[in-house]
Amino acid sequence: MKSKALFLSHASPTLLVESDQPYHRFLKELGKQINPADYDVIVVSSPHFMVRGRFQVVSTPILRCIQDYYGFPDKLYDYCLNAENHPALVERLLQEGPRSGLNIEPTQKWGLDHGAWVPPLVMWGEVKNKMMAVSTDPYAHEQDYVFGKAIRIAADSLGLKTLFIASGSPTHRLDLFEFGSQPNPDDPLYEFDKILIQTLENAPQSILEIKRLAGDAYTRSDPEGGLGPLMTAAGFCGDEFRPKILNHDAPYVGVSVLAAYLN
């Protein structure tokens, strides 16, 4: 089995307990189709781990769970995921930095934020794999792409079967978010989602130009983390980047979710 990449929105932390929510049910079913035991390592790129002008990889032996949200029901704080890091891959990625022309540095100040741990926890309930957490630059899509290529080179050089999970919401207008709100899928707010899906399906080679292609729709939707994790995952796939949309929805006003195989 070759390495695999997915884009999986993490939605709201309430997704953890919303078992009747369609996207929660979708992730549960997807988890039955993907066996994490088939992979040597899971690499996660979350839009919450943003660094400008350089890239970071968490180097602590254990990737600690970060519950980077507040004001939610108490029961959500019972959920968390810690994971063992993959030090050999971390070291190999750091070595790849100069060759890729990127400044890649280690950090011990991050771990698994909810953008990284919510999707796998919903899908599998627990994760026994070693994992690696990498940052994104929301303002440098081309560099995100090169970073993804460096991650793939590092993993392949170690002979690792890698599952890359990138997350984020195409529309992420938290100023409009309301618990229990009923979104209108025809709202112009979600125009960017349609442009993004059309690009992924019909012209994936243009993904690095999505901000220009979408114009005002990109600004209006305020995509989470600038969709930097998606660009990194595209670089990880390289010539194999052939997205297949699996799920799209707007579960809350102002927030959309998207899931796709990327290769």
Protein backbone atom coordinates (compact mmCIF):
# COMPACT_ATOMS: atom_id res chain seq x y z
CA MET A 1 0.00 0.00 0.00
CA LYS A 2 1.35 3.41 -0.95
CA SER A 3 1.18 6.53 1.17
CA LYS A 4 -2.17 8.29 1.27
CA ALA A 5 -3.34 11.87 1.79
CA LEU A 6 -6.73 13.21 2.85
CA PHE A 7 -8.29 16.56 3.51
CA LEU A 8 -10.72 16.31 6.44
CA SER A 9 -12.37 19.36 7.95
CA HIS A 10 -12.54 19.16 11.74
CA ALA A 11 -15.64 21.36 12.10
CA SER A 12 -16.59 22.49 15.62
CA PRO A 13 -15.32 20.65 18.71
CA THR A 14 -18.98 19.72 19.29
CA LEU A 15 -18.50 17.25 16.44
CA LEU A 16 -17.03 14.92 19.08
CA VAL A 17 -20.45 14.35 20.65
CA GLU A 18 -22.82 15.13 17.77
CA SER A 19 -23.38 11.50 16.81
CA ASP A 20 -26.51 12.41 14.82
CA GLN A 21 -24.67 15.03 12.79
CA PRO A 22 -24.19 13.88 9.16
CA TYR A 23 -20.50 14.79 9.07
CA HIS A 24 -19.86 12.88 12.31
CA ARG A 25 -21.54 9.83 10.78
CA PHE A 26 -19.52 10.28 7.60
CA LEU A 27 -16.21 10.29 9.51
CA LYS A 28 -17.27 7.17 11.41
CA GLU A 29 -17.95 5.36 8.13
CA LEU A 30 -14.71 6.63 6.58
CA GLY A 31 -12.85 5.26 9.59
CA LYS A 32 -14.15 1.81 8.74
CA GLN A 33 -12.68 2.11 5.23
CA ILE A 34 -9.22 3.25 6.32
CA ASN A 35 -7.22 1.00 8.62
CA PRO A 36 -4.58 3.07 10.46
CA ALA A 37 -2.64 -0.15 11.12
CA ASP A 38 -1.78 -0.16 7.41
CA TYR A 39 0.45 2.89 7.94
CA ASP A 40 3.75 3.40 9.72
CA VAL A 41 3.04 7.01 10.65
CA ILE A 42 0.26 9.59 10.47
CA VAL A 43 1.36 13.12 9.59
CA VAL A 44 -1.09 15.88 10.55
CA SER A 45 -1.28 19.46 9.31
CA SER A 46 -3.76 21.65 11.18
CA PRO A 47 -4.73 25.25 10.37
CA HIS A 48 -4.32 26.03 14.08
CA PHE A 49 -0.55 25.40 13.89
CA MET A 50 0.40 28.51 11.90
CA VAL A 51 3.89 29.95 11.58
CA ARG A 52 4.86 32.83 9.30
CA GLY A 53 7.96 32.75 7.11
CA ARG A 54 9.24 29.33 8.18
CA PHE A 55 8.02 25.84 9.02
CA GLN A 56 8.06 23.87 12.24
CA VAL A 57 7.79 20.23 13.20
CA VAL A 58 7.02 19.19 16.77
CA SER A 59 10.00 17.35 18.25
CA THR A 60 8.75 16.26 21.69
CA PRO A 61 8.71 12.48 22.27
CA ILE A 62 4.98 12.64 22.96
CA LEU A 63 2.66 14.86 20.97
CA ARG A 64 0.50 16.25 23.77
CA CYS A 65 -3.17 16.91 23.24
CA ILE A 66 -4.11 20.59 23.11
CA GLN A 67 -7.74 21.48 23.79
CA ASP A 68 -7.48 24.84 22.05
CA TYR A 69 -11.08 25.90 22.51
CA TYR A 70 -13.13 27.47 25.27
CA GLY A 71 -16.73 28.15 26.16
CA PHE A 72 -17.95 24.72 25.04
CA PRO A 73 -19.89 22.12 27.08
CA ASP A 74 -17.84 20.53 29.86
CA LYS A 75 -18.14 17.04 28.39
CA LEU A 76 -15.99 18.06 25.41
CA TYR A 77 -13.00 18.37 27.72
CA ASP A 78 -13.20 14.64 28.42
CA TYR A 79 -11.96 13.99 24.88
CA CYS A 80 -8.31 14.20 23.94
CA LEU A 81 -5.62 12.39 21.98
CA ASN A 82 -1.94 12.08 22.79
CA ALA A 83 0.39 10.25 20.43
CA GLU A 84 3.94 8.99 20.27
CA ASN A 85 6.08 11.06 17.92
CA HIS A 86 8.20 9.59 15.10
CA PRO A 87 11.67 10.98 15.91
CA ALA A 88 13.40 9.42 12.90
CA LEU A 89 10.98 11.14 10.53
CA VAL A 90 11.28 14.42 12.41
CA GLU A 91 15.07 14.29 12.10
CA ARG A 92 14.93 13.34 8.44
CA LEU A 93 12.54 16.22 7.70
CA LEU A 94 14.85 18.68 9.45
CA GLN A 95 17.70 17.42 7.28
CA GLU A 96 15.56 17.95 4.19
CA GLY A 97 15.05 21.64 4.98
CA PRO A 98 18.26 23.02 3.39
CA ARG A 99 17.83 20.80 0.33
CA SER A 100 14.29 22.06 -0.18
CA GLY A 101 15.24 25.71 0.30
CA LEU A 102 12.99 26.02 3.35
CA ASN A 103 13.68 27.00 6.92
CA ILE A 104 12.36 23.98 8.83
CA GLU A 105 12.93 24.03 12.57
CA PRO A 106 11.97 21.86 15.54
CA THR A 107 9.65 23.10 18.26
CA GLN A 108 8.59 21.78 21.64
CA LYS A 109 5.86 24.39 22.06
CA TRP A 110 3.06 22.64 20.19
CA GLY A 111 1.43 19.23 19.94
CA LEU A 112 -1.90 17.96 18.60
CA ASP A 113 -4.44 20.79 18.54
CA HIS A 114 -8.10 19.99 17.95
CA GLY A 115 -7.67 20.56 14.22
CA ALA A 116 -5.28 17.61 14.25
CA TRP A 117 -6.83 15.19 16.74
CA VAL A 118 -10.61 15.54 16.32
CA PRO A 119 -10.95 13.82 12.90
CA PRO A 120 -8.88 10.71 13.78
CA LEU A 121 -10.53 10.42 17.20
CA VAL A 122 -14.01 10.50 15.64
CA MET A 123 -12.94 8.05 12.93
CA TRP A 124 -11.18 5.46 15.08
CA GLY A 125 -11.87 6.18 18.75
CA GLU A 126 -8.17 5.76 19.50
CA VAL A 127 -4.95 6.02 17.52
CA LYS A 128 -1.98 3.77 18.26
CA ASN A 129 0.15 5.01 15.36
CA LYS A 130 3.16 7.18 15.75
CA MET A 131 2.31 10.66 14.49
CA MET A 132 4.11 13.78 13.35
CA ALA A 133 2.68 17.31 13.56
CA VAL A 134 3.79 20.01 11.12
CA SER A 135 2.97 23.70 10.80
CA THR A 136 1.53 25.68 7.91
CA ASP A 137 2.02 29.20 6.55
CA PRO A 138 -1.42 30.58 5.60
CA TYR A 139 0.11 33.29 3.41
CA ALA A 140 2.61 31.23 1.42
CA HIS A 141 0.86 28.53 -0.60
CA GLU A 142 3.85 27.84 -2.83
CA GLN A 143 6.07 27.28 0.21
CA ASP A 144 3.39 25.09 1.81
CA TYR A 145 3.48 22.97 -1.35
CA VAL A 146 7.28 22.67 -1.25
CA PHE A 147 7.06 21.75 2.44
CA GLY A 148 4.66 18.95 1.55
CA LYS A 149 7.15 17.65 -1.02
CA ALA A 150 9.89 17.71 1.62
CA ILE A 151 7.71 15.69 4.00
CA ARG A 152 7.08 13.07 1.29
CA ILE A 153 10.78 12.85 0.41
CA ALA A 154 11.67 12.42 4.09
CA ALA A 155 9.04 9.73 4.65
CA ASP A 156 9.83 7.85 1.46
CA SER A 157 13.57 7.90 2.22
CA LEU A 158 12.79 5.97 5.42
CA GLY A 159 10.53 3.55 3.58
CA LEU A 160 7.48 4.67 5.57
CA LYS A 161 3.89 4.13 4.51
CA THR A 162 2.45 7.47 5.50
CA LEU A 163 -1.09 8.69 6.03
CA PHE A 164 -1.20 12.46 5.67
CA ILE A 165 -4.25 14.20 7.16
CA ALA A 166 -4.77 17.90 6.46
CA SER A 167 -7.66 19.76 8.05
CA GLY A 168 -9.51 23.06 7.94
CA SER A 169 -12.81 24.56 6.83
CA PRO A 170 -13.22 26.15 3.37
CA THR A 171 -15.67 28.65 4.90
CA HIS A 172 -14.69 29.70 8.39
CA ARG A 173 -16.66 32.78 9.38
CA LEU A 174 -16.75 32.40 13.13
CA ASP A 175 -18.28 35.87 13.42
CA LEU A 176 -21.44 34.31 11.97
CA PHE A 177 -21.31 31.05 13.94
CA GLU A 178 -24.24 30.22 16.20
CA PHE A 179 -25.05 27.00 18.04
CA GLY A 180 -28.20 25.44 16.62
CA SER A 181 -28.21 27.73 13.59
CA GLN A 182 -29.60 26.44 10.29
CA PRO A 183 -27.41 27.41 7.32
CA ASN A 184 -28.71 28.18 3.86
CA PRO A 185 -26.53 26.20 1.39
CA ASP A 186 -27.44 28.68 -1.36
CA ASP A 187 -26.07 31.60 0.63
CA PRO A 188 -23.41 33.45 -1.45
CA LEU A 189 -21.17 33.02 1.58
CA TYR A 190 -20.47 29.47 0.39
CA GLU A 191 -19.57 30.42 -3.17
CA PHE A 192 -15.92 29.73 -2.43
CA ASP A 193 -16.72 26.13 -1.51
CA LYS A 194 -18.17 25.59 -4.98
CA ILE A 195 -15.12 27.14 -6.66
CA LEU A 196 -12.76 25.05 -4.52
CA ILE A 197 -14.60 21.81 -5.27
CA GLN A 198 -14.73 22.57 -8.98
CA THR A 199 -10.99 23.29 -8.98
CA LEU A 200 -10.14 20.10 -7.08
CA GLU A 201 -12.29 18.00 -9.39
CA ASN A 202 -11.49 19.56 -12.75
CA ALA A 203 -8.22 21.50 -12.49
CA PRO A 204 -6.28 20.29 -9.43
CA GLN A 205 -3.03 21.57 -10.93
CA SER A 206 -4.43 25.08 -10.35
CA ILE A 207 -4.92 24.67 -6.62
CA LEU A 208 -2.05 27.00 -5.73
CA GLU A 209 -3.92 29.74 -7.62
CA ILE A 210 -7.18 29.27 -5.71
CA LYS A 211 -6.99 32.64 -3.96
CA ARG A 212 -6.67 34.44 -7.29
CA LEU A 213 -9.24 32.22 -9.02
CA ALA A 214 -11.86 32.74 -6.32
CA GLY A 215 -11.28 36.46 -5.84
CA ASP A 216 -13.80 38.09 -3.50
CA ALA A 217 -15.36 34.70 -2.68
CA TYR A 218 -12.09 33.67 -1.02
CA THR A 219 -12.06 36.80 1.12
CA ARG A 220 -15.75 36.46 1.99
CA SER A 221 -15.39 32.85 3.17
CA ASP A 222 -12.15 33.46 5.14
CA PRO A 223 -10.90 29.86 4.69
CA GLU A 224 -9.34 28.46 7.83
CA GLY A 225 -5.57 28.80 7.90
CA GLY A 226 -5.74 30.01 4.31
CA LEU A 227 -6.11 26.32 3.42
CA GLY A 228 -2.38 25.99 3.97
CA PRO A 229 -2.74 22.36 5.12
CA LEU A 230 -4.44 21.50 1.82
CA MET A 231 -1.54 23.05 -0.11
CA THR A 232 0.95 21.07 1.99
CA ALA A 233 -0.99 17.88 1.33
CA ALA A 234 -1.02 18.67 -2.41
CA GLY A 235 2.77 18.96 -2.29
CA PHE A 236 2.94 15.67 -0.40
CA CYS A 237 1.00 14.04 -3.26
CA GLY A 238 2.97 15.75 -6.04
CA ASP A 239 2.16 14.18 -9.40
CA GLU A 240 -0.28 11.85 -7.62
CA PHE A 241 -2.55 14.77 -6.69
CA ARG A 242 -5.90 13.62 -8.07
CA PRO A 243 -8.57 14.67 -5.56
CA LYS A 244 -11.87 12.86 -5.09
CA ILE A 245 -14.54 14.69 -3.12
CA LEU A 246 -16.12 12.48 -0.46
CA ASN A 247 -18.30 14.86 1.51
CA HIS A 248 -19.33 18.51 1.60
CA ASP A 249 -21.73 20.20 3.97
CA ALA A 250 -22.44 23.38 5.91
CA PRO A 251 -23.36 22.05 9.36
CA TYR A 252 -23.38 25.49 10.97
CA VAL A 253 -23.96 29.01 9.71
CA GLY A 254 -20.57 30.39 8.71
CA VAL A 255 -18.72 27.06 8.79
CA SER A 256 -18.45 24.46 6.04
CA VAL A 257 -16.83 21.03 6.01
CA LEU A 258 -15.11 19.22 3.19
CA ALA A 259 -13.59 15.75 2.95
CA ALA A 260 -11.57 14.39 0.06
CA TYR A 261 -9.08 11.76 -0.92
CA LEU A 262 -6.19 13.65 -2.46
CA ASN A 263 -4.42 10.78 -4.23
